[in-house]
Amino acid sequence: MFEGIPLHWFLILGTIMFFVGIYGFLTRKNLITILMSIELILNSVNINFVAFNKFLYPDHLEGMFFTVFIIAVAAAETSIAIAIIINIYRRLVDIDVDKMNKMKY
């Protein structure tokens, strides 16, 4: 699967995805796009785990297990975050991050 692709291509792809996710997390005001940015960051980490596992220890599956664990945690995090976002939308009729200070009262 990875025989013809060098490791640094995976590292470049993971780095680009990570920094696009960081940029989206820091600059966006919509909660859904912030959640998508977090998922992009987690997926970039998954790419690095799988690539390093395949190139350094091709007979072991530790990188794959970490990746499956991260995917499971990300699925749980996404479901809880979407439930929170739906409740915020029902209360404020907007999911803009700047208006979240109204939930204090």
Protein backbone atom coordinates (compact mmCIF):
# COMPACT_ATOMS: atom_id res chain seq x y z
CA MET A 1 0.00 0.00 0.00
CA PHE A 2 2.74 2.49 0.95
CA GLU A 3 5.61 0.87 -0.93
CA GLY A 4 6.02 3.49 -3.66
CA ILE A 5 5.25 6.59 -1.58
CA PRO A 6 8.06 8.10 0.50
CA LEU A 7 7.52 8.90 4.17
CA HIS A 8 8.09 12.62 3.79
CA TRP A 9 5.02 12.95 1.55
CA PHE A 10 2.85 11.66 4.38
CA LEU A 11 4.57 14.03 6.80
CA ILE A 12 3.99 16.97 4.47
CA LEU A 13 0.32 16.03 4.05
CA GLY A 14 -0.12 15.62 7.82
CA THR A 15 1.60 18.94 8.50
CA ILE A 16 -0.54 20.80 5.98
CA MET A 17 -3.71 19.26 7.38
CA PHE A 18 -2.64 20.06 10.95
CA PHE A 19 -1.94 23.72 10.27
CA VAL A 20 -5.09 24.16 8.19
CA GLY A 21 -6.99 22.76 11.18
CA ILE A 22 -5.19 25.10 13.58
CA TYR A 23 -5.91 28.06 11.30
CA GLY A 24 -9.58 27.11 11.05
CA PHE A 25 -9.84 26.63 14.81
CA LEU A 26 -8.32 30.02 15.59
CA THR A 27 -10.03 32.13 12.93
CA ARG A 28 -13.57 30.75 12.59
CA LYS A 29 -16.51 31.94 14.67
CA ASN A 30 -18.98 29.19 13.78
CA LEU A 31 -19.03 26.23 16.15
CA ILE A 32 -19.54 23.69 13.36
CA THR A 33 -16.44 24.88 11.47
CA ILE A 34 -14.44 24.84 14.71
CA LEU A 35 -15.54 21.24 15.24
CA MET A 36 -14.51 20.36 11.67
CA SER A 37 -11.12 21.97 12.29
CA ILE A 38 -10.60 19.80 15.37
CA GLU A 39 -11.48 16.73 13.32
CA LEU A 40 -8.96 17.80 10.67
CA ILE A 41 -6.25 18.06 13.34
CA LEU A 42 -7.10 14.59 14.65
CA ASN A 43 -7.03 13.11 11.15
CA SER A 44 -3.60 14.62 10.49
CA VAL A 45 -2.34 12.87 13.62
CA ASN A 46 -3.88 9.62 12.37
CA ILE A 47 -2.01 9.93 9.08
CA ASN A 48 1.27 10.36 10.97
CA PHE A 49 0.60 7.37 13.24
CA VAL A 50 -0.17 5.08 10.33
CA ALA A 51 2.73 6.33 8.19
CA PHE A 52 5.32 6.01 10.96
CA ASN A 53 3.99 2.60 11.92
CA LYS A 54 4.17 1.33 8.34
CA PHE A 55 7.66 2.68 7.64
CA LEU A 56 9.36 2.00 10.99
CA TYR A 57 7.64 -1.19 12.17
CA PRO A 58 5.80 -2.77 9.23
CA ASP A 59 5.07 -6.01 11.11
CA HIS A 60 3.52 -4.34 14.18
CA LEU A 61 0.12 -2.69 14.51
CA GLU A 62 0.60 -0.19 17.35
CA GLY A 63 0.08 2.81 15.07
CA MET A 64 -3.11 1.28 13.74
CA PHE A 65 -4.43 0.69 17.27
CA PHE A 66 -3.70 4.29 18.24
CA THR A 67 -5.49 5.42 15.10
CA VAL A 68 -8.58 3.34 15.86
CA PHE A 69 -8.57 4.68 19.42
CA ILE A 70 -8.35 8.28 18.18
CA ILE A 71 -11.18 7.68 15.72
CA ALA A 72 -13.36 6.27 18.53
CA VAL A 73 -12.59 9.22 20.81
CA ALA A 74 -13.22 11.67 17.95
CA ALA A 75 -16.60 10.06 17.23
CA ALA A 76 -17.62 10.38 20.87
CA GLU A 77 -16.33 13.95 21.01
CA THR A 78 -18.22 14.86 17.84
CA SER A 79 -21.51 13.41 19.03
CA ILE A 80 -21.30 15.27 22.35
CA ALA A 81 -20.22 18.50 20.65
CA ILE A 82 -23.08 18.33 18.16
CA ALA A 83 -25.56 17.78 21.01
CA ILE A 84 -24.16 20.84 22.78
CA ILE A 85 -24.28 22.89 19.57
CA ILE A 86 -27.93 21.90 19.00
CA ASN A 87 -28.82 23.00 22.54
CA ILE A 88 -27.00 26.30 22.03
CA TYR A 89 -28.81 26.85 18.76
CA ARG A 90 -32.19 26.16 20.38
CA ARG A 91 -31.50 28.69 23.10
CA LEU A 92 -29.75 31.46 21.13
CA VAL A 93 -30.89 30.73 17.52
CA ASP A 94 -27.25 31.26 16.51
CA ILE A 95 -24.03 29.28 16.85
CA ASP A 96 -21.61 32.20 16.73
CA VAL A 97 -18.81 31.88 19.28
CA ASP A 98 -18.93 35.59 20.16
CA LYS A 99 -22.49 35.23 21.47
CA MET A 100 -21.75 32.35 23.85
CA ASN A 101 -21.33 34.70 26.84
CA LYS A 102 -25.14 34.93 27.03
CA MET A 103 -25.32 31.38 28.38
CA LYS A 104 -23.79 32.52 31.67
CA TYR A 105 -27.13 33.94 32.83
